[in-house]
Amino acid sequence: MEKEVETFQGKDVQLIVTSLKEWQSDPCVLNKGVILLVLHGEASIMVNFSAWHLHEDSVIVLFPNDAVLLQNVTDDFSVKSLLFSPNVLREASLQLESAVYDSLRKDRCQTDSDVPTKIIRHTFAILSIYFNQPECTCLSQLVVLQLKSFFLGFHEFLSRHPSHYVDENCSLRINEIFGRFHELIERDYKKSRSVDYYAALLHITPKYLNTIVHKRTQQTSKTIIDHYAVMQLKLQLRNSSQSFKEISWEYNFSNYTFFCRYFRKHTGMSPKEFREKV
């Protein structure tokens, strides 16, 4: 992330002010969790093919493996962000019901109430005190406790004040199947990029899966699967030192040549050219 104005950093946690320019040029997959508080400006954010409008004081929660893209960003757009590693998230998740995270993923953005904003402002203020102490040796543990408190409080707030971001043209059944479809892609994108594979796991026909996905996103199931896999491939090529053949095997391509053709088809460049570019 591009860092501006102030940066507080620990081993597994960061508290930064940024304009999120790296989320604007191309969709990307997060390798960490993020809580955003919009300080200035406006933007539209796509998260796993659902859209929200962000403005000053908006709060949104993002998780590892979320696919994100910022659009329609004003020149003065900036956010304060708490970033935390998957390890910190796992520790904060201990003893919390899975329903807490299910509800946060479905209702992750609040723009109409000042309650989440007040909670996050106070949370960030408390953490800033600790981040400002170079001798503090327990930053990650402090963030874990603050996250646990926030997740529980935000979940309770959402249960009383559910937002209505879900497309009203889609039934509850369609939204549930689409949500499960994306969860399966997050889990198995390295194993398979076949529509038939995911339709079988959902116990529906590939044709019906395409109908559901098109209603939610105006795209095909195959497009969504490939889009997510390519974002993950870009992330891995950017952040790892694995050889191209190792990545090809890991993603279950039949051979290295097919991996290169697949990547070039969706990006316009070879894996080698992409790695050299970034």
Protein backbone atom coordinates (compact mmCIF):
# COMPACT_ATOMS: atom_id res chain seq x y z
CA MET A 1 0.00 0.00 0.00
CA GLU A 2 1.12 3.50 -0.74
CA LYS A 3 1.77 5.22 2.58
CA GLU A 4 1.01 8.89 3.14
CA VAL A 5 0.98 11.29 6.06
CA GLU A 6 1.53 8.76 8.83
CA THR A 7 2.50 5.12 9.18
CA PHE A 8 2.58 2.96 12.28
CA GLN A 9 3.91 -0.53 11.75
CA GLY A 10 4.43 -3.77 13.63
CA LYS A 11 5.40 -7.23 12.41
CA ASP A 12 1.85 -8.36 11.55
CA VAL A 13 -0.09 -5.12 11.81
CA GLN A 14 -0.06 -1.62 10.31
CA LEU A 15 -2.05 1.56 10.85
CA ILE A 16 -1.68 3.87 7.86
CA VAL A 17 -3.23 6.78 5.97
CA THR A 18 -3.34 6.14 2.22
CA SER A 19 -5.13 6.95 -1.03
CA LEU A 20 -5.21 3.26 -2.06
CA LYS A 21 -3.90 4.00 -5.55
CA GLU A 22 -2.75 0.39 -5.95
CA TRP A 23 -6.41 -0.73 -5.82
CA GLN A 24 -7.46 1.58 -8.65
CA SER A 25 -5.58 0.40 -11.71
CA ASP A 26 -6.42 -3.31 -11.64
CA PRO A 27 -8.50 -5.68 -9.48
CA CYS A 28 -6.39 -7.35 -6.83
CA VAL A 29 -6.75 -10.06 -4.20
CA LEU A 30 -5.92 -9.13 -0.62
CA ASN A 31 -3.39 -11.17 1.30
CA LYS A 32 -4.35 -9.53 4.61
CA GLY A 33 -7.37 -8.17 6.45
CA VAL A 34 -8.19 -4.47 6.34
CA ILE A 35 -10.57 -2.12 8.15
CA LEU A 36 -11.00 1.17 6.30
CA LEU A 37 -12.29 4.50 7.58
CA VAL A 38 -12.79 7.08 4.83
CA LEU A 39 -11.25 10.41 5.85
CA HIS A 40 -11.90 12.48 2.73
CA GLY A 41 -13.44 12.17 -0.72
CA GLU A 42 -15.55 9.52 -2.38
CA ALA A 43 -15.10 6.29 -4.34
CA SER A 44 -16.93 3.17 -5.45
CA ILE A 45 -15.48 -0.13 -4.24
CA MET A 46 -16.12 -3.55 -5.75
CA VAL A 47 -15.59 -6.41 -3.29
CA ASN A 48 -16.09 -9.90 -4.68
CA PHE A 49 -18.37 -8.43 -7.39
CA SER A 50 -20.61 -6.53 -4.98
CA ALA A 51 -20.43 -2.72 -5.01
CA TRP A 52 -20.57 -0.03 -2.33
CA HIS A 53 -20.28 3.74 -2.49
CA LEU A 54 -17.75 5.15 -0.02
CA HIS A 55 -17.83 8.70 1.31
CA GLU A 56 -16.42 10.51 4.32
CA ASP A 57 -16.84 8.49 7.56
CA SER A 58 -17.74 5.25 5.72
CA VAL A 59 -16.43 2.09 7.36
CA ILE A 60 -15.75 -1.14 5.48
CA VAL A 61 -14.24 -4.46 6.58
CA LEU A 62 -12.17 -6.56 4.16
CA PHE A 63 -10.74 -10.04 4.63
CA PRO A 64 -7.84 -12.04 3.15
CA ASN A 65 -8.71 -13.37 -0.32
CA ASP A 66 -11.27 -10.63 -0.97
CA ALA A 67 -11.07 -9.33 -4.55
CA VAL A 68 -11.19 -5.52 -4.57
CA LEU A 69 -11.24 -2.67 -7.09
CA LEU A 70 -11.67 1.07 -6.51
CA GLN A 71 -13.44 3.15 -9.16
CA ASN A 72 -14.75 6.70 -9.59
CA VAL A 73 -12.21 7.96 -7.06
CA THR A 74 -12.15 11.69 -6.29
CA ASP A 75 -8.81 13.51 -6.17
CA ASP A 76 -9.04 14.11 -2.42
CA PHE A 77 -9.85 10.49 -1.52
CA SER A 78 -7.97 9.13 1.51
CA VAL A 79 -8.58 6.51 4.16
CA LYS A 80 -7.15 5.41 7.47
CA SER A 81 -6.50 1.69 7.38
CA LEU A 82 -5.78 -0.98 9.94
CA LEU A 83 -4.04 -3.87 8.18
CA PHE A 84 -3.60 -7.23 9.88
CA SER A 85 -2.09 -10.52 8.78
CA PRO A 86 -4.08 -13.76 8.43
CA ASN A 87 -2.35 -14.98 11.60
CA VAL A 88 -3.71 -12.01 13.57
CA LEU A 89 -7.16 -12.58 12.07
CA ARG A 90 -7.11 -16.26 13.04
CA GLU A 91 -6.15 -15.40 16.60
CA ALA A 92 -8.89 -12.77 16.79
CA SER A 93 -11.35 -15.36 15.49
CA LEU A 94 -10.81 -17.80 18.34
CA GLN A 95 -13.97 -18.43 20.32
CA LEU A 96 -16.03 -16.29 17.92
CA GLU A 97 -18.91 -17.99 16.14
CA SER A 98 -18.60 -18.41 12.38
CA ALA A 99 -21.89 -16.51 12.08
CA VAL A 100 -20.02 -13.36 13.12
CA TYR A 101 -17.77 -13.51 10.06
CA ASP A 102 -20.54 -14.67 7.76
CA SER A 103 -22.55 -11.57 8.64
CA LEU A 104 -19.53 -9.27 8.32
CA ARG A 105 -18.75 -10.58 4.84
CA LYS A 106 -22.35 -10.09 3.71
CA ASP A 107 -22.86 -6.69 5.36
CA ARG A 108 -19.31 -5.39 5.49
CA CYS A 109 -19.90 -1.70 4.76
CA GLN A 110 -21.66 0.97 6.79
CA THR A 111 -22.29 4.42 5.35
CA ASP A 112 -25.56 5.52 6.95
CA SER A 113 -24.82 5.37 10.69
CA ASP A 114 -22.21 7.15 12.79
CA VAL A 115 -21.96 4.29 15.31
CA PRO A 116 -19.40 2.13 13.41
CA THR A 117 -17.49 5.32 12.55
CA LYS A 118 -17.27 6.35 16.20
CA ILE A 119 -16.17 2.84 17.21
CA ILE A 120 -13.42 2.72 14.58
CA ARG A 121 -12.21 6.26 15.30
CA HIS A 122 -11.80 5.36 18.98
CA THR A 123 -10.21 2.01 18.12
CA PHE A 124 -7.68 3.68 15.81
CA ALA A 125 -6.96 6.36 18.42
CA ILE A 126 -6.23 3.74 21.07
CA LEU A 127 -4.01 1.71 18.74
CA SER A 128 -2.13 4.86 17.63
CA ILE A 129 -1.00 5.36 21.24
CA TYR A 130 0.60 1.92 21.24
CA PHE A 131 1.99 2.17 17.70
CA ASN A 132 3.67 5.44 18.69
CA GLN A 133 5.69 3.63 21.33
CA PRO A 134 8.72 2.02 19.62
CA GLU A 135 9.43 -0.01 22.74
CA CYS A 136 5.96 -1.65 22.70
CA THR A 137 6.47 -5.39 22.14
CA CYS A 138 2.85 -6.57 22.09
CA LEU A 139 1.32 -4.70 19.15
CA SER A 140 -0.10 -7.81 17.50
CA GLN A 141 -1.76 -8.99 20.71
CA LEU A 142 -3.26 -5.55 21.29
CA VAL A 143 -4.65 -5.50 17.75
CA VAL A 144 -6.08 -9.00 18.26
CA LEU A 145 -8.02 -7.82 21.30
CA GLN A 146 -9.26 -4.69 19.54
CA LEU A 147 -10.32 -6.72 16.50
CA LYS A 148 -12.19 -9.22 18.64
CA SER A 149 -14.02 -6.38 20.36
CA PHE A 150 -14.79 -4.65 17.04
CA PHE A 151 -16.01 -7.81 15.29
CA LEU A 152 -18.36 -8.68 18.14
CA GLY A 153 -19.66 -5.11 18.43
CA PHE A 154 -20.06 -4.63 14.67
CA HIS A 155 -21.85 -7.98 14.35
CA GLU A 156 -24.26 -7.04 17.13
CA PHE A 157 -24.85 -3.64 15.47
CA LEU A 158 -25.52 -5.29 12.09
CA SER A 159 -28.02 -7.68 13.66
CA ARG A 160 -30.02 -4.61 14.78
CA HIS A 161 -29.36 -2.42 11.74
CA PRO A 162 -28.91 -4.60 8.63
CA SER A 163 -28.04 -2.63 5.51
CA HIS A 164 -29.64 -3.24 2.15
CA TYR A 165 -26.78 -3.44 -0.32
CA VAL A 166 -27.94 -6.72 -1.86
CA ASP A 167 -29.43 -6.38 -5.32
CA GLU A 168 -33.19 -6.32 -4.80
CA ASN A 169 -33.68 -7.97 -8.20
CA CYS A 170 -32.05 -11.14 -6.83
CA SER A 171 -33.80 -13.53 -4.48
CA LEU A 172 -32.32 -14.66 -1.18
CA ARG A 173 -31.68 -18.07 -2.75
CA ILE A 174 -29.70 -16.54 -5.62
CA ASN A 175 -27.61 -14.43 -3.27
CA GLU A 176 -26.92 -17.45 -1.05
CA ILE A 177 -25.80 -19.60 -3.99
CA PHE A 178 -23.63 -16.84 -5.41
CA GLY A 179 -22.02 -16.30 -2.00
CA ARG A 180 -21.30 -20.01 -1.68
CA PHE A 181 -19.94 -20.06 -5.25
CA HIS A 182 -17.42 -17.36 -4.38
CA GLU A 183 -16.42 -19.17 -1.16
CA LEU A 184 -15.71 -22.31 -3.19
CA ILE A 185 -13.62 -20.35 -5.69
CA GLU A 186 -11.59 -18.90 -2.79
CA ARG A 187 -10.99 -22.44 -1.54
CA ASP A 188 -10.40 -24.34 -4.78
CA TYR A 189 -9.15 -21.83 -7.39
CA LYS A 190 -5.82 -23.68 -7.58
CA LYS A 191 -7.54 -27.03 -7.96
CA SER A 192 -10.01 -26.26 -10.73
CA ARG A 193 -11.13 -23.49 -13.08
CA SER A 194 -14.05 -25.51 -14.48
CA VAL A 195 -17.66 -24.33 -14.25
CA ASP A 196 -18.78 -27.97 -14.11
CA TYR A 197 -16.61 -28.55 -11.04
CA TYR A 198 -18.19 -25.71 -9.01
CA ALA A 199 -21.71 -26.47 -10.21
CA ALA A 200 -21.32 -30.06 -9.00
CA LEU A 201 -20.18 -28.87 -5.56
CA LEU A 202 -23.26 -26.62 -5.41
CA HIS A 203 -25.53 -29.47 -6.59
CA ILE A 204 -26.87 -27.41 -9.47
CA THR A 205 -26.40 -27.50 -13.24
CA PRO A 206 -23.71 -25.40 -14.93
CA LYS A 207 -26.48 -23.63 -16.85
CA TYR A 208 -28.27 -22.63 -13.64
CA LEU A 209 -24.99 -21.48 -12.09
CA ASN A 210 -24.39 -19.26 -15.12
CA THR A 211 -27.89 -17.83 -14.77
CA ILE A 212 -27.29 -16.97 -11.10
CA VAL A 213 -23.87 -15.43 -11.73
CA HIS A 214 -25.16 -13.36 -14.64
CA LYS A 215 -28.00 -11.97 -12.52
CA ARG A 216 -25.54 -10.88 -9.86
CA THR A 217 -22.63 -9.67 -11.99
CA GLN A 218 -23.69 -9.52 -15.67
CA GLN A 219 -20.78 -11.90 -16.33
CA THR A 220 -20.42 -15.64 -16.89
CA SER A 221 -19.35 -18.17 -14.26
CA LYS A 222 -16.19 -18.91 -16.24
CA THR A 223 -15.29 -15.21 -16.33
CA ILE A 224 -15.62 -14.95 -12.55
CA ILE A 225 -13.52 -18.09 -11.95
CA ASP A 226 -10.76 -17.01 -14.33
CA HIS A 227 -10.83 -13.44 -13.02
CA TYR A 228 -10.19 -14.64 -9.46
CA ALA A 229 -7.54 -17.19 -10.46
CA VAL A 230 -5.62 -14.61 -12.50
CA MET A 231 -5.69 -12.10 -9.62
CA GLN A 232 -4.23 -14.77 -7.35
CA LEU A 233 -1.61 -15.66 -9.95
CA LYS A 234 -0.58 -12.00 -10.22
CA LEU A 235 -0.29 -11.80 -6.44
CA GLN A 236 1.85 -14.93 -6.32
CA LEU A 237 4.09 -13.85 -9.19
CA ARG A 238 4.55 -10.45 -7.54
CA ASN A 239 5.23 -11.63 -3.99
CA SER A 240 6.91 -15.03 -4.26
CA SER A 241 10.19 -16.28 -5.68
CA GLN A 242 8.70 -19.55 -6.92
CA SER A 243 9.66 -20.65 -10.41
CA PHE A 244 7.05 -20.49 -13.14
CA LYS A 245 6.97 -24.28 -13.34
CA GLU A 246 6.38 -24.55 -9.58
CA ILE A 247 3.46 -22.14 -9.82
CA SER A 248 2.12 -24.06 -12.83
CA TRP A 249 2.13 -27.31 -10.86
CA GLU A 250 0.61 -25.65 -7.80
CA TYR A 251 -2.31 -24.35 -9.89
CA ASN A 252 -2.90 -27.76 -11.43
CA PHE A 253 -2.17 -26.76 -15.02
CA SER A 254 -1.56 -29.75 -17.27
CA ASN A 255 1.83 -28.35 -18.28
CA TYR A 256 3.93 -25.21 -18.14
CA THR A 257 3.09 -24.20 -21.72
CA PHE A 258 -0.63 -24.25 -21.00
CA PHE A 259 -0.06 -22.10 -17.89
CA CYS A 260 1.76 -19.50 -20.01
CA ARG A 261 -1.00 -19.51 -22.65
CA TYR A 262 -3.69 -19.14 -19.97
CA PHE A 263 -1.90 -16.24 -18.28
CA ARG A 264 -1.20 -14.44 -21.56
CA LYS A 265 -4.82 -14.87 -22.68
CA HIS A 266 -6.08 -13.06 -19.57
CA THR A 267 -3.34 -10.46 -19.08
CA GLY A 268 -1.77 -9.85 -22.49
CA MET A 269 1.67 -10.84 -21.24
CA SER A 270 3.59 -13.94 -20.21
CA PRO A 271 4.27 -14.75 -16.53
CA LYS A 272 7.91 -13.76 -17.09
CA GLU A 273 6.95 -10.42 -18.64
CA PHE A 274 4.54 -9.70 -15.79
CA ARG A 275 7.11 -10.49 -13.10
CA GLU A 276 9.70 -8.31 -14.81
CA LYS A 277 7.19 -5.48 -15.14
CA VAL A 278 6.25 -5.44 -11.44
